[in-house]
Each structure stands twice: as C-alpha cells, then as structure tokens.
C-alpha cells in the first residue's frame, strides 16, 4: 500500500548520461590535441633540421641534439597524457552504457579521477616543456 503512487518510468538518469558523455567528448578532444601537438612538433623539427634529425630519433646509438632530446622527452610525456585521456574516454563511455541500461549508477568518481589524473599529467608535461626549453637550453 505504501508504493501505490510510485511510477517507474523506465528511463535512465539523464544528468549522469550527459555528464559522462561530456567527459568522454572532452577527453577525446584533449587526447587528439596531445597527439596532434606531438605530430606538429616532430614535423616542424624535421622541416627545420632535415632527414638526419628524423634518423637520429629512430637510431638508439645516435648522438642526440638538443632538439631531438626535447622532442623525445616532451613528445613521450604528451603521448602518455593522450593515452590517459583515451582511457578516461573509454571508461566514461563504458559507464554511460551501464547508466543507460540501468544496471548500476555511473562511477563518477572513477571517471573524474581519471580525467583529473590526465589533466595533471598534461600539466606536468607542459611544465617540463617550459623548464626544459628555458632553463636547460
């Protein structure tokens, strides 16, 4: 008798879906931006230094110039940050699927924890870029 006025509409939590999908979209854009920045960095260094620069990046025994060290260090950090962004995107999509099927509530703390970790790793990469460029060179 207590639940006689209760109505189950069988619709998912719209707020959680919008939040999770916006986190997925933002993570995808940030990850693609990181990858494109690394591609742009390698391309401009190749245009400026020539074919020997690209070969020195591939050859583990080659003497690395400052530009090659810079591209390797910063590019690696940015690619790792992009990987974390893509993992956050996949986690957010997985959680939004669980919310849409009403299997369970979305694990927002896990998704936003991954997003914050990705942002922190990006900040570390950009700080390392500034320190490497303006203090070591």
Protein backbone atom coordinates (compact mmCIF):
# COMPACT_ATOMS: atom_id res chain seq x y z
CA UNK A 1 0.00 0.00 0.00
CA UNK A 2 2.97 2.33 0.52
CA UNK A 3 4.06 2.20 -3.14
CA UNK A 4 0.68 2.61 -4.71
CA UNK A 5 1.50 6.10 -6.10
CA UNK A 6 5.03 5.22 -7.26
CA UNK A 7 5.60 5.27 -11.02
CA UNK A 8 8.61 3.67 -12.68
CA UNK A 9 9.17 5.44 -15.99
CA UNK A 10 12.00 3.10 -17.08
CA UNK A 11 14.22 5.96 -18.23
CA UNK A 12 17.90 6.28 -17.36
CA UNK A 13 19.46 9.07 -15.33
CA UNK A 14 19.74 11.82 -17.93
CA UNK A 15 22.04 14.01 -15.83
CA UNK A 16 24.56 11.21 -15.41
CA UNK A 17 24.44 10.39 -19.10
CA UNK A 18 25.07 13.99 -20.12
CA UNK A 19 27.90 14.34 -17.60
CA UNK A 20 29.59 11.09 -18.64
CA UNK A 21 29.25 11.77 -22.35
CA UNK A 22 30.61 15.31 -21.96
CA UNK A 23 33.57 13.89 -20.03
CA UNK A 24 34.11 11.38 -22.86
CA UNK A 25 33.93 14.08 -25.52
CA UNK A 26 36.30 16.38 -23.63
CA UNK A 27 38.77 13.55 -23.05
CA UNK A 28 38.68 12.63 -26.74
CA UNK A 29 39.34 16.22 -27.81
CA UNK A 30 42.20 16.61 -25.32
CA UNK A 31 43.75 13.29 -26.36
CA UNK A 32 43.60 14.14 -30.04
CA UNK A 33 45.03 17.57 -29.27
CA UNK A 34 48.00 15.99 -27.50
CA UNK A 35 48.69 13.63 -30.39
CA UNK A 36 48.42 16.43 -32.94
CA UNK A 37 50.80 18.60 -30.91
CA UNK A 38 53.40 15.81 -30.93
CA UNK A 39 52.94 15.35 -34.70
CA UNK A 40 53.31 19.09 -35.20
CA UNK A 41 56.45 19.15 -33.03
CA UNK A 42 58.11 16.31 -34.96
CA UNK A 43 57.11 17.78 -38.32
CA UNK A 44 58.46 21.26 -37.60
CA UNK A 45 61.71 19.85 -36.23
CA UNK A 46 62.04 17.66 -39.33
CA UNK A 47 61.41 20.63 -41.60
CA UNK A 48 63.99 22.72 -39.74
CA UNK A 49 66.71 20.07 -39.27
CA UNK A 50 66.25 17.72 -42.20
CA UNK A 51 66.37 13.99 -42.67
CA UNK A 52 69.29 13.46 -40.27
CA UNK A 53 67.13 14.67 -37.39
CA UNK A 54 64.48 12.06 -38.09
CA UNK A 55 67.07 9.32 -38.43
CA UNK A 56 68.66 10.33 -35.11
CA UNK A 57 65.26 9.93 -33.43
CA UNK A 58 64.94 6.38 -34.76
CA UNK A 59 68.55 5.28 -34.16
CA UNK A 60 69.20 4.46 -30.46
CA UNK A 61 73.00 4.81 -30.88
CA UNK A 62 72.95 8.25 -32.47
CA UNK A 63 74.14 11.38 -30.72
CA UNK A 64 71.00 13.40 -29.92
CA UNK A 65 70.97 17.13 -30.39
CA UNK A 66 69.02 19.40 -28.07
CA UNK A 67 66.06 19.44 -30.42
CA UNK A 68 65.98 15.64 -30.60
CA UNK A 69 66.14 15.34 -26.81
CA UNK A 70 63.40 17.92 -26.50
CA UNK A 71 61.12 16.15 -28.99
CA UNK A 72 61.73 12.75 -27.40
CA UNK A 73 61.16 13.86 -23.80
CA UNK A 74 58.21 16.17 -24.32
CA UNK A 75 56.66 14.01 -27.03
CA UNK A 76 56.77 10.96 -24.79
CA UNK A 77 55.12 12.81 -21.92
CA UNK A 78 52.41 14.15 -24.21
CA UNK A 79 51.73 10.74 -25.74
CA UNK A 80 51.40 9.21 -22.27
CA UNK A 81 48.98 12.01 -21.36
CA UNK A 82 47.00 11.28 -24.53
CA UNK A 83 46.83 7.60 -23.60
CA UNK A 84 45.40 8.51 -20.20
CA UNK A 85 42.85 10.78 -21.86
CA UNK A 86 41.78 8.00 -24.22
CA UNK A 87 41.50 5.55 -21.30
CA UNK A 88 39.31 8.08 -19.49
CA UNK A 89 37.18 8.42 -22.61
CA UNK A 90 36.68 4.65 -22.87
CA UNK A 91 35.88 4.41 -19.16
CA UNK A 92 33.33 7.20 -19.46
CA UNK A 93 31.66 5.55 -22.45
CA UNK A 94 31.54 2.23 -20.58
CA UNK A 95 29.99 3.88 -17.54
CA UNK A 96 27.44 5.74 -19.66
CA UNK A 97 26.41 2.41 -21.20
CA UNK A 98 25.88 1.00 -17.69
CA UNK A 99 23.78 4.03 -16.73
CA UNK A 100 21.68 3.80 -19.90
CA UNK A 101 20.92 0.12 -19.25
CA UNK A 102 20.11 0.95 -15.60
CA UNK A 103 22.46 -1.83 -14.47
CA UNK A 104 24.05 0.46 -11.91
CA UNK A 105 24.83 4.08 -11.33
CA UNK A 106 27.82 5.55 -13.10
CA UNK A 107 31.06 5.64 -11.19
CA UNK A 108 31.59 9.38 -11.48
CA UNK A 109 34.49 9.45 -9.02
CA UNK A 110 36.42 6.96 -11.13
CA UNK A 111 35.78 8.84 -14.37
CA UNK A 112 36.63 12.25 -12.98
CA UNK A 113 39.60 10.83 -11.10
CA UNK A 114 40.96 9.57 -14.42
CA UNK A 115 40.23 12.92 -16.05
CA UNK A 116 41.99 14.86 -13.29
CA UNK A 117 44.95 12.45 -13.45
CA UNK A 118 45.16 13.05 -17.20
CA UNK A 119 45.00 16.81 -16.74
CA UNK A 120 47.72 16.66 -14.05
CA UNK A 121 49.93 14.60 -16.34
CA UNK A 122 49.37 17.16 -19.11
CA UNK A 123 50.32 19.99 -16.74
CA UNK A 124 53.48 18.10 -15.75
CA UNK A 125 54.34 17.65 -19.43
CA UNK A 126 53.83 21.34 -20.15
CA UNK A 127 55.83 22.42 -17.08
CA UNK A 128 58.61 20.08 -18.13
CA UNK A 129 58.46 21.66 -21.59
CA UNK A 130 58.93 25.15 -20.18
CA UNK A 131 61.69 24.08 -17.79
CA UNK A 132 63.49 22.08 -20.47
CA UNK A 133 63.26 24.86 -23.02
CA UNK A 134 64.06 27.92 -20.93
CA UNK A 135 66.41 26.66 -18.21
CA UNK A 136 68.49 23.92 -19.81
CA UNK A 137 68.99 25.45 -23.24
